[in-house]
Protein backbone atom coordinates (compact mmCIF):
# COMPACT_ATOMS: atom_id res chain seq x y z
CA MET A 1 -6.64 5.93 12.91
CA LYS A 2 -5.54 7.43 9.95
CA LYS A 3 -1.77 7.58 8.90
CA LYS A 4 -0.39 11.09 8.06
CA ARG A 5 2.70 11.45 5.81
CA ILE A 6 4.99 13.95 6.83
CA LEU A 7 7.14 15.54 4.10
CA LEU A 8 10.44 17.27 4.96
CA ILE A 9 12.04 19.43 2.43
CA ALA A 10 15.84 18.90 3.93
CA GLY A 11 15.38 15.49 3.90
CA ALA A 12 13.65 12.36 5.34
CA ALA A 13 11.69 12.08 8.70
CA VAL A 14 10.79 9.20 10.94
CA LEU A 15 7.33 9.90 12.42
CA LEU A 16 5.91 7.70 15.29
CA ALA A 17 2.16 8.93 15.55
CA ALA A 18 -0.27 6.68 17.68
CA GLY A 19 2.33 4.09 17.72
CA ILE A 20 3.22 4.22 13.82
CA LEU A 21 6.87 5.10 13.08
CA THR A 22 7.64 6.82 9.81
CA ALA A 23 11.12 6.87 8.37
CA ALA A 24 12.35 8.38 5.21
CA LEU A 25 16.09 8.28 3.95
CA LEU A 26 17.63 11.65 2.95
CA ALA A 27 17.36 12.14 -0.87
CA GLY A 28 18.52 15.56 -1.33
CA GLY A 29 15.11 16.34 -3.08
CA LYS A 30 11.95 14.73 -4.03
CA GLU A 31 10.15 11.41 -3.44
CA ASN A 32 10.72 8.44 -5.49
CA ARG A 33 8.66 6.17 -7.07
CA ALA A 34 9.09 2.61 -8.39
CA SER A 35 7.30 0.91 -11.12
CA ALA A 36 7.70 -2.66 -10.99
CA MET A 37 9.27 -5.27 -8.59
CA TRP A 38 10.82 -8.71 -9.21
CA LEU A 39 11.78 -11.57 -7.37
CA VAL A 40 15.15 -12.33 -9.10
CA ARG A 41 16.86 -14.95 -6.62
CA ALA A 42 15.78 -17.43 -3.90
CA GLU A 43 17.80 -19.45 -1.84
CA GLY A 44 16.15 -22.37 0.16
CA SER A 45 12.53 -22.26 0.94
CA VAL A 46 11.02 -19.12 -0.24
CA ALA A 47 7.21 -18.66 -0.77
CA VAL A 48 5.27 -16.06 -2.65
CA THR A 49 1.34 -15.80 -2.35
CA ASP A 50 -0.60 -13.44 -4.55
CA GLY A 51 -3.18 -10.73 -3.11
CA GLY A 52 -5.81 -13.61 -2.82
CA GLY A 53 -3.65 -15.94 -0.48
CA LYS A 54 -2.83 -18.14 -3.66
CA ASP A 55 0.75 -19.87 -4.09
CA VAL A 56 2.69 -18.53 -6.83
CA PRO A 57 5.50 -20.92 -7.73
CA VAL A 58 9.00 -19.54 -7.41
CA ARG A 59 11.26 -22.47 -7.91
CA SER A 60 14.04 -22.28 -10.70
CA MET A 61 16.37 -24.47 -12.65
CA ALA A 62 19.72 -24.98 -10.95
CA GLY A 63 22.05 -22.34 -12.27
CA MET A 64 18.98 -20.53 -13.90
CA GLU A 65 17.94 -17.11 -12.74
CA LEU A 66 14.23 -16.45 -11.29
CA ARG A 67 12.46 -13.51 -12.79
CA LEU A 68 9.04 -13.50 -11.10
CA GLY A 69 7.04 -10.20 -10.83
CA LEU A 70 5.64 -9.06 -7.48
CA TYR A 71 2.29 -7.16 -7.63
CA ASP A 72 -0.21 -5.42 -5.36
CA GLY A 73 -0.94 -7.67 -2.24
CA TYR A 74 1.80 -10.44 -3.11
CA ALA A 75 3.90 -11.68 -0.20
CA VAL A 76 7.22 -13.08 -0.05
CA GLY A 77 8.44 -15.08 3.01
CA THR A 78 11.48 -16.98 3.85
CA GLU A 79 12.12 -19.90 6.27
CA ARG A 80 15.32 -20.93 8.09
CA ALA A 81 18.48 -20.71 6.19
CA SER A 82 16.51 -19.21 3.33
CA TYR A 83 16.82 -15.69 1.57
CA GLY A 84 15.02 -13.75 -1.21
CA TRP A 85 16.32 -10.92 -3.44
CA ILE A 86 13.89 -8.22 -4.65
CA ASN A 87 15.13 -6.08 -7.50
CA LEU A 88 13.65 -2.53 -8.96
CA ASP A 89 14.13 -2.12 -12.85
CA ASP A 90 16.62 -4.55 -13.10
CA THR A 91 18.63 -2.81 -10.19
CA LYS A 92 19.38 -4.79 -7.08
CA LEU A 93 17.51 -3.22 -4.29
CA THR A 94 16.54 -5.44 -1.24
CA LYS A 95 17.43 -8.85 0.33
CA LEU A 96 15.18 -10.48 2.53
CA ASP A 97 16.94 -12.23 5.55
CA GLN A 98 16.22 -15.64 6.87
CA GLU A 99 12.73 -16.40 8.74
CA SER A 100 11.35 -12.98 7.37
CA SER A 101 8.53 -11.79 5.32
CA VAL A 102 7.37 -8.73 3.55
CA THR A 103 4.20 -7.80 1.61
CA ILE A 104 3.71 -5.91 -1.78
CA SER A 105 1.68 -2.98 -2.14
CA ARG A 106 1.32 -0.99 -5.33
CA ASP A 107 -0.73 2.25 -6.02
CA GLY A 108 -0.08 3.57 -9.49
CA ARG A 109 3.67 3.95 -9.66
CA ALA A 110 4.12 3.84 -6.04
CA LEU A 111 5.42 0.83 -4.62
CA GLU A 112 5.69 -0.34 -0.91
CA LEU A 113 7.38 -3.26 1.06
CA ALA A 114 5.66 -3.93 4.48
CA ILE A 115 8.00 -6.12 6.52
CA ASP A 116 5.61 -8.30 8.52
CA ARG A 117 8.91 -10.05 10.48
CA GLY A 118 12.54 -10.32 10.20
CA SER A 119 15.17 -8.12 8.52
CA LEU A 120 15.44 -6.41 5.24
CA PHE A 121 18.64 -5.22 3.52
CA PHE A 122 18.46 -2.33 0.95
CA ASN A 123 21.09 -0.94 -1.38
CA VAL A 124 19.92 1.66 -3.99
CA THR A 125 22.73 2.19 -6.11
CA ARG A 126 21.06 4.38 -8.75
CA PRO A 127 18.56 7.14 -7.86
CA LEU A 128 15.02 6.30 -8.79
CA GLU A 129 12.71 8.70 -11.24
CA GLU A 130 11.52 11.67 -9.44
CA ASP A 131 7.97 10.69 -10.22
CA GLU A 132 8.35 7.20 -8.74
CA THR A 133 8.26 6.27 -4.86
CA LEU A 134 9.32 3.21 -3.06
CA GLU A 135 8.68 2.82 0.50
CA ILE A 136 9.61 0.34 3.16
CA ARG A 137 7.57 -0.05 6.28
CA SER A 138 6.69 -2.13 9.16
CA SER A 139 3.77 -2.05 11.24
CA SER A 140 5.54 0.61 13.21
CA MET A 141 7.27 2.43 10.32
CA VAL A 142 7.42 3.95 6.76
CA MET A 143 10.88 4.60 4.88
CA ALA A 144 11.08 6.36 1.43
CA VAL A 145 14.16 5.03 0.04
CA ARG A 146 16.59 6.69 -2.50
CA GLY A 147 20.39 6.26 -3.13
CA THR A 148 21.07 4.76 0.30
CA CYS A 149 22.42 1.48 2.06
CA GLY A 150 21.50 -0.22 5.09
CA TRP A 151 19.22 -2.63 6.74
CA VAL A 152 16.13 -2.55 8.96
CA ARG A 153 14.94 -5.05 11.33
CA ALA A 154 11.37 -5.45 13.09
CA VAL A 155 11.95 -6.25 16.71
CA ASP A 156 8.23 -6.07 17.58
CA GLY A 157 5.34 -3.90 17.12
CA ASP A 158 6.63 -1.23 18.96
CA THR A 159 10.38 -1.43 18.52
CA PHE A 160 12.40 -0.81 14.99
CA ASP A 161 16.14 -0.74 14.17
CA VAL A 162 17.50 1.24 11.48
CA TYR A 163 21.08 0.74 10.45
CA ILE A 164 22.92 3.01 8.04
CA ILE A 165 25.78 2.11 6.08
CA GLU A 166 25.80 4.94 3.54
CA GLY A 167 23.40 8.26 3.53
CA LYS A 168 21.73 9.90 6.43
CA VAL A 169 18.24 9.59 8.26
CA ARG A 170 16.56 12.05 10.44
CA CYS A 171 14.30 10.22 12.77
CA THR A 172 11.32 12.05 14.38
CA ALA A 173 9.21 9.95 16.80
CA ARG A 174 5.99 11.19 18.45
CA THR A 175 2.72 10.05 19.64
CA ALA A 176 -0.66 11.60 19.66
CA ASP A 177 -0.53 12.76 23.23
CA ALA A 178 3.10 13.40 23.37
CA VAL A 179 3.98 17.03 24.16
CA LEU A 180 7.28 17.16 22.52
CA PRO A 181 8.70 14.77 19.75
CA ALA A 182 11.98 12.97 19.89
CA THR A 183 14.29 13.81 16.87
CA GLU A 184 17.50 12.51 16.16
CA GLN A 185 19.87 12.49 12.76
CA VAL A 186 21.31 8.94 12.04
CA SER A 187 24.33 9.14 9.90
CA ALA A 188 26.57 6.37 8.11
CA GLY A 189 27.83 3.93 10.66
CA GLN A 190 25.08 4.69 13.05
CA THR A 191 21.83 3.08 14.13
CA ALA A 192 18.68 4.17 15.54
CA ARG A 193 16.36 2.32 17.89
CA LEU A 194 12.75 3.69 17.60
CA SER A 195 10.66 2.79 19.99
CA ILE A 196 7.47 3.75 22.36
CA LYS A 197 8.20 3.16 26.18
CA ASP A 198 5.56 3.87 28.59
CA GLY A 199 3.53 5.86 25.81
CA GLN A 200 6.53 8.10 25.26
CA PRO A 201 8.44 8.12 21.90
CA ALA A 202 12.16 7.55 22.12
CA VAL A 203 14.85 7.70 19.36
CA ALA A 204 18.15 6.07 20.55
CA VAL A 205 21.18 6.90 18.28
CA ARG A 206 24.61 5.30 18.54
CA SER A 207 27.41 4.07 16.46
CA PHE A 208 27.32 0.24 15.82
CA GLU A 209 30.36 -2.26 15.52
CA LYS A 210 31.10 -4.67 12.98
CA SER A 211 30.08 -7.54 15.17
CA GLU A 212 26.32 -6.06 15.07
CA ILE A 213 26.09 -6.60 11.06
CA PRO A 214 24.12 -9.63 10.43
CA GLU A 215 25.59 -12.38 8.25
CA PHE A 216 22.89 -11.94 5.35
CA VAL A 217 24.34 -8.39 4.92
CA LEU A 218 28.11 -9.46 5.13
CA GLU A 219 27.33 -12.16 2.61
CA GLU A 220 26.12 -9.12 0.21
CA ALA A 221 29.19 -7.64 0.68
CA ARG A 222 31.20 -10.42 -0.17
CA GLU A 223 29.32 -10.82 -3.39
CA ASP A 224 28.85 -7.21 -4.22
CA PRO A 225 31.98 -4.80 -4.57
CA ASP A 226 29.66 -1.98 -4.31
CA VAL A 227 28.31 -2.94 -0.83
CA SER A 228 31.81 -3.83 0.27
CA GLU A 229 33.22 -0.27 -0.84
CA LYS A 230 30.49 1.18 1.34
CA LEU A 231 31.33 -0.82 4.28
CA ALA A 232 34.99 0.20 3.85
CA SER A 233 33.94 3.77 3.92
CA ILE A 234 32.90 3.43 7.41
CA GLY A 235 35.98 1.40 8.47
CA MET A 236 34.44 -2.09 8.20
CA ASP A 237 34.92 -4.88 6.11
CA ALA A 238 32.96 -8.13 5.17
CA GLY A 239 35.62 -10.44 6.16
CA ASP A 240 36.21 -14.08 4.44
CA ALA A 241 33.17 -16.09 3.67
CA PRO A 242 32.40 -18.96 6.10
CA GLY A 243 32.88 -21.76 3.45
CA GLU A 244 32.06 -21.52 -0.31
CA PRO A 245 29.73 -18.54 -1.25
CA SER A 246 26.14 -19.47 -2.65
CA GLY A 247 26.03 -19.92 -6.18
CA GLY A 248 23.77 -18.08 -8.80
CA PRO A 249 23.69 -14.64 -9.85
CA ALA A 250 22.18 -11.68 -7.77
CA GLY A 251 20.05 -10.40 -10.62
CA PRO A 252 18.86 -11.20 -14.07
CA GLU A 253 20.95 -10.32 -17.27
CA ASP A 254 18.07 -10.01 -19.77
CA GLY A 255 19.68 -9.62 -22.77
CA GLY A 256 17.56 -6.99 -24.15
CA ASP A 257 13.94 -6.46 -24.72
CA ALA A 258 12.39 -7.71 -27.43
CA PRO A 259 11.60 -5.30 -30.36
CA SER A 260 8.10 -3.27 -29.81
CA GLY A 261 5.50 -5.37 -30.94
CA GLY A 262 7.19 -8.48 -29.29
CA ASP A 263 8.85 -9.64 -32.62
CA VAL A 264 11.97 -11.60 -31.49
CA PRO A 265 14.31 -12.83 -34.35
CA PRO A 266 14.62 -16.73 -34.32
CA GLY A 267 17.90 -17.62 -32.92
CA ALA A 268 18.88 -14.29 -31.79
CA ASP A 269 21.58 -13.86 -29.18
CA ASP A 270 20.98 -10.47 -27.60
CA GLY A 271 22.95 -10.87 -24.47
CA PRO A 272 24.63 -13.11 -21.86
CA GLU A 273 22.96 -16.76 -21.26
CA ASP A 274 21.16 -16.97 -17.88
CA GLY A 275 21.89 -20.30 -17.28
CA ASP A 276 22.20 -23.98 -18.49
CA SER A 277 19.48 -26.95 -18.30
CA GLN A 278 19.86 -30.40 -19.92
CA ASP A 279 22.43 -31.31 -22.76
CA GLY A 280 23.53 -27.64 -23.33
CA LEU A 281 20.18 -26.02 -23.39
CA THR A 282 20.55 -22.03 -22.37
CA TYR A 283 18.06 -19.23 -22.26
CA VAL A 284 17.97 -15.58 -21.93
CA MET A 285 15.03 -14.02 -20.52
CA LYS A 286 13.18 -11.34 -22.81
CA GLN A 287 10.30 -9.03 -22.77
CA ALA A 288 7.83 -8.02 -25.18
CA VAL A 289 5.86 -4.58 -25.27
CA PRO A 290 3.13 -4.34 -27.73
CA ASP A 291 2.79 -1.02 -29.59
CA LEU A 292 -0.49 0.44 -28.50
CA ALA A 293 -2.06 3.61 -28.87
CA GLN A 294 -2.68 4.30 -25.26
CA GLU A 295 0.14 4.76 -23.03
CA LEU A 296 -0.06 1.52 -20.96
CA PRO A 297 3.49 0.95 -19.48
CA HIS A 298 2.40 -2.25 -17.77
CA VAL A 299 1.17 -4.41 -20.81
CA THR A 300 4.20 -6.96 -20.85
CA PHE A 301 5.12 -10.40 -21.86
CA THR A 302 8.10 -11.83 -20.31
CA TYR A 303 9.25 -15.26 -21.24
CA PRO A 304 12.59 -17.35 -21.60
CA TYR A 305 14.07 -17.72 -24.82
CA PHE A 306 15.91 -20.87 -25.43
CA SER A 307 18.98 -21.68 -27.56
CA GLY A 308 21.30 -24.82 -27.83
CA ALA A 309 20.03 -28.40 -27.94
CA GLY A 310 18.75 -28.21 -31.59
CA ALA A 311 15.29 -29.06 -32.05
CA VAL A 312 14.46 -28.74 -28.38
CA ALA A 313 15.07 -25.16 -28.20
CA GLU A 314 13.25 -24.72 -31.47
CA ASN A 315 10.11 -26.35 -30.39
CA ILE A 316 9.91 -24.59 -27.03
CA ASN A 317 10.42 -20.96 -28.86
CA ALA A 318 7.98 -22.19 -31.48
CA TYR A 319 5.39 -22.79 -28.75
CA MET A 320 6.28 -19.60 -26.93
CA ASP A 321 5.78 -17.53 -29.97
CA THR A 322 2.42 -18.69 -30.48
CA LEU A 323 1.55 -17.63 -26.89
CA LEU A 324 3.49 -14.34 -27.36
CA GLN A 325 1.14 -13.69 -30.53
CA GLU A 326 -2.05 -14.37 -28.85
CA PHE A 327 -1.11 -12.13 -25.99
CA LEU A 328 -0.48 -9.21 -28.54
CA VAL A 329 -3.79 -9.92 -30.34
CA ARG A 330 -5.57 -9.65 -27.13
CA SER A 331 -3.51 -6.43 -25.84
CA ARG A 332 -4.16 -4.79 -29.25
CA ASP A 333 -8.05 -5.60 -29.02
CA ILE A 334 -8.16 -4.24 -25.34
CA ASP A 335 -6.21 -0.95 -26.47
CA MET A 336 -8.95 -0.40 -29.28
CA HIS A 337 -11.80 -0.51 -26.74
CA ILE A 338 -10.47 0.58 -23.36
CA GLU A 339 -11.91 3.79 -23.50
CA GLU A 340 -15.18 1.98 -23.48
CA PHE A 341 -14.63 0.36 -20.26
CA PRO A 342 -16.18 2.55 -17.31
CA ASP A 343 -14.07 3.66 -14.32
CA THR A 344 -10.93 2.16 -16.00
CA ASP A 345 -7.93 3.99 -14.43
CA LEU A 346 -5.10 4.02 -17.14
CA GLU A 347 -2.57 5.01 -14.42
CA VAL A 348 -2.45 1.58 -12.81
CA TYR A 349 -3.85 -0.65 -15.70
CA GLU A 350 -1.87 -3.78 -16.21
CA SER A 351 -2.11 -7.03 -18.40
CA SER A 352 1.08 -8.78 -17.80
CA GLN A 353 2.08 -12.26 -18.80
CA GLN A 354 5.14 -13.84 -17.28
CA PHE A 355 6.76 -17.16 -17.42
CA SER A 356 9.80 -18.59 -15.54
CA VAL A 357 11.84 -21.50 -15.76
CA ASN A 358 10.90 -24.00 -12.91
CA ASP A 359 13.05 -27.00 -11.35
CA ASN A 360 14.66 -29.41 -13.55
CA ARG A 361 12.34 -32.52 -13.21
CA GLN A 362 13.39 -35.59 -14.76
CA GLY A 363 13.09 -35.28 -18.52
CA LEU A 364 11.12 -32.18 -18.46
CA ILE A 365 11.60 -28.55 -19.03
CA ILE A 366 8.77 -26.78 -16.96
CA LEU A 367 7.78 -23.00 -17.02
CA ASN A 368 5.54 -21.26 -14.54
CA GLY A 369 3.26 -18.86 -15.83
CA LEU A 370 1.36 -15.98 -14.05
CA TYR A 371 -0.99 -13.56 -15.64
CA VAL A 372 -1.99 -10.49 -13.72
CA TYR A 373 -4.79 -7.90 -14.99
CA ASN A 374 -5.86 -4.61 -13.24
CA ASP A 375 -7.85 -1.96 -14.78
CA GLY A 376 -8.55 0.12 -11.67
CA ARG A 377 -11.99 -0.87 -10.89
CA THR A 378 -12.72 -1.91 -7.31
CA ALA A 379 -15.18 -4.74 -8.43
CA GLY A 380 -13.72 -7.42 -10.45
CA GLY A 381 -10.95 -5.17 -11.93
CA HIS A 382 -7.89 -7.03 -10.40
CA TYR A 383 -7.27 -10.81 -10.60
CA SER A 384 -4.35 -13.16 -11.31
CA THR A 385 -3.95 -16.71 -12.51
CA THR A 386 -1.14 -19.19 -12.72
CA SER A 387 -0.56 -21.87 -15.00
CA THR A 388 2.32 -24.77 -15.84
CA LEU A 389 3.81 -25.60 -19.12
CA ALA A 390 5.83 -28.87 -19.51
CA PHE A 391 8.11 -29.73 -22.34
CA ASP A 392 9.84 -32.80 -22.89
CA ALA A 393 13.65 -32.08 -22.30
CA GLY A 394 14.74 -34.45 -25.09
CA THR A 395 12.19 -33.34 -27.86
CA GLY A 396 10.95 -29.90 -26.79
CA GLU A 397 7.18 -31.26 -27.35
CA LYS A 398 4.65 -29.48 -25.41
CA LEU A 399 3.17 -32.05 -23.15
CA GLY A 400 -0.41 -32.30 -21.95
CA ILE A 401 -2.12 -34.13 -18.97
CA PRO A 402 -1.97 -37.52 -20.79
CA GLU A 403 1.28 -37.39 -22.28
CA LEU A 404 2.51 -36.51 -18.74
CA MET A 405 0.42 -39.63 -17.18
CA GLY A 406 1.79 -41.83 -20.05
CA CYS A 407 -1.79 -42.83 -21.22
CA THR A 408 -4.18 -42.22 -23.76
CA ASP A 409 -6.61 -39.04 -24.01
CA GLN A 410 -9.74 -41.25 -23.12
CA GLU A 411 -7.74 -43.07 -20.11
CA ALA A 412 -6.59 -39.31 -18.83
CA ARG A 413 -10.35 -38.33 -19.17
CA GLU A 414 -11.46 -41.64 -17.22
CA ALA A 415 -9.14 -40.92 -14.43
CA ILE A 416 -10.27 -37.41 -14.16
CA LYS A 417 -14.16 -38.70 -13.91
CA ALA A 418 -12.98 -41.14 -11.29
CA ALA A 419 -11.53 -38.54 -9.03
CA ILE A 420 -14.34 -36.19 -9.36
CA TYR A 421 -16.75 -39.05 -8.51
CA GLU A 422 -14.88 -39.48 -5.07
CA THR A 423 -15.61 -35.86 -4.07
CA ALA A 424 -18.86 -34.93 -2.03
CA TYR A 425 -20.84 -33.93 -5.28
CA GLY A 426 -19.41 -36.58 -7.46
CA PRO A 427 -22.62 -38.79 -7.77
CA ARG A 428 -24.59 -35.80 -8.80
CA LEU A 429 -22.44 -34.15 -11.42
CA PRO A 430 -22.71 -34.61 -15.19
CA LEU A 431 -19.22 -36.47 -15.55
CA GLU A 432 -19.90 -37.31 -19.18
CA ASN A 433 -19.13 -33.61 -19.80
CA VAL A 434 -15.32 -34.43 -19.16
CA ASP A 435 -15.19 -36.30 -22.41
CA SER A 436 -15.72 -32.75 -24.49
CA MET A 437 -13.75 -30.73 -22.02
CA ASP A 438 -10.22 -29.11 -23.32
CA LEU A 439 -7.85 -30.70 -20.76
CA SER A 440 -5.34 -28.09 -21.78
CA THR A 441 -7.49 -25.46 -19.74
CA LEU A 442 -7.42 -27.35 -16.62
CA ASP A 443 -5.62 -25.70 -13.54
CA TRP A 444 -2.83 -28.25 -12.94
CA SER A 445 0.61 -28.17 -11.40
CA PHE A 446 3.26 -30.58 -10.09
CA SER A 447 3.14 -31.98 -6.49
CA GLY A 448 6.25 -34.52 -5.65
CA ASN A 449 5.53 -37.35 -8.09
CA GLU A 450 2.04 -36.86 -9.20
CA ILE A 451 -0.05 -34.27 -11.04
CA ARG A 452 -2.16 -32.01 -8.94
CA ILE A 453 -5.54 -30.74 -10.37
CA ASP A 454 -7.28 -27.88 -8.83
CA PHE A 455 -10.82 -28.49 -10.50
CA ASP A 456 -13.54 -26.16 -10.54
CA PHE A 457 -17.10 -27.91 -10.78
CA SER A 458 -18.65 -25.16 -12.94
CA ARG A 459 -16.37 -26.32 -15.78
CA LEU A 460 -18.82 -29.53 -16.06
CA GLY A 461 -21.77 -27.19 -16.95
CA GLY A 462 -25.26 -28.67 -16.27
CA GLY A 463 -26.37 -25.44 -14.30
CA LEU A 464 -23.55 -25.62 -12.02
CA SER A 465 -22.40 -21.82 -12.24
CA ASN A 466 -23.33 -21.28 -8.96
CA LEU A 467 -21.49 -24.18 -7.36
CA GLU A 468 -18.49 -22.48 -6.14
CA GLU A 469 -16.86 -25.25 -4.57
CA GLY A 470 -13.96 -27.19 -6.30
CA SER A 471 -11.86 -30.03 -5.58
CA THR A 472 -8.14 -30.83 -5.64
CA PHE A 473 -7.03 -34.35 -6.48
CA TYR A 474 -4.06 -35.98 -7.85
CA LEU A 475 -3.13 -38.12 -11.33
CA PRO A 476 -0.21 -40.32 -11.52
CA LEU A 477 2.76 -39.07 -13.32
CA SER A 478 4.56 -41.35 -15.78
CA SER A 479 7.58 -42.98 -14.77
CA ARG A 480 9.33 -41.31 -17.63
CA TYR A 481 9.15 -38.30 -15.83
CA GLY A 482 9.87 -39.46 -12.42
CA GLY A 483 6.55 -40.35 -11.21
CA GLU A 484 4.85 -44.02 -10.52
CA GLY A 485 2.65 -44.06 -13.64
CA PRO A 486 2.96 -46.09 -16.83
CA ASP A 487 5.91 -45.27 -19.56
CA PRO A 488 4.33 -46.16 -22.96
CA LEU A 489 7.96 -46.46 -24.44
CA ALA A 490 8.62 -49.20 -21.97
CA GLY A 491 6.18 -51.64 -23.15
CA PRO A 492 2.66 -52.68 -21.96
CA GLN A 493 1.67 -51.25 -18.76
CA ALA A 494 -1.12 -51.71 -16.34
CA SER A 495 -4.25 -49.51 -16.33
CA THR A 496 -4.01 -46.03 -14.90
CA GLU A 497 -5.52 -45.66 -11.26
CA VAL A 498 -6.25 -42.51 -9.33
CA PRO A 499 -4.55 -42.35 -5.90
CA ARG A 500 -6.83 -41.91 -2.95
CA ARG A 501 -6.22 -38.92 -0.94
């Protein structure tokens, strides 16, 4: 059954049609649209998957901020004692409670957070642009957000709770066969339970007590004076924190975007440092936007710019600058020919590359990369890829698979051949082609104290383009970087072996 969007001039509404609840927060005007979302902070176990269900790394170095773009089809989930913060245009907007999950949807400049389970806190401190929309929904409700504060909780498929700290909400619940809808207004300090009982819509409104405010909302009020003031305006306070508050800032301090075209002056100090890593190494997040003829607002390159620690920062920055320049060249080439692409929708076109700092593994600086492409075509026009970059924390040198294994290039290739040979197709594959393969293009990541390789058999050539299957295998990480493999700086080592899985 189709969902219908109800627009109320005087404010917002909640509609329950055929089991679908729709809620809109009073905005005193038009709908709101949001152009981009970022996961900016994660505590505990927070997982992100892309539209294809593939895991997207979200870990960051201790004390360093996260800035992970969330795109159409992405999902964010938290486990017990875990929380995730999602910002819109660098304005803190939502906080995901423990044991909760949301799915991101994006249609042009319209963004949506679908609550699959659990609770979500929202605080819009600055009105969104009039030509943007942001909606929060569950399986039973949709809520258009603008300049208000509160939280929502998905009780089950037919029940949804809305709590308002600031602002007003008009709730209208109806089913397809209901004669009269149920309509109530919910004001600051009130809560509404929207439900379907025996096939009939119901909206029950009452005042809520401080004891009903969940801890994850109170924690926000302790950290954010704005939320604390809004609670005080309804006669409530956050109280004392139960122990030390969790560390880390609530959102990124970017330190300013790079100039148009992506040129960042070496050694520039554009703003506050995002955090510390090893030996005084710090960084700020920067975003380069290429100077294009077309209006393509979603063509961006986001990356950490390091300072301190002498040559370490210089070497990492030099490598990232090379990647930036390559991205800008590709973007300008696409810009010149984009009109030739059939069925391309410039309203949703996106080509974004972003890197975030990962965990502080022994002796390494690790960056996780995510590339997202979308030209609006229904077939083959939207995909994303992930990548991992590793730099030696003592020198800033970019490390490949052989260096991470602590072996020679040929020894690494032999280990890869041995691992592929153990697969079901191994004996029939042209393993000799591994010798000419560019190892830097392999899809790899860290897994415990090993290197995980997600290998595509078609990379071997030899008429294997139709062989869609691949294999995941693991290579030993050098003991220099916390693994069990050889450390060439420690003297002669035993030959490299591939762990069996």
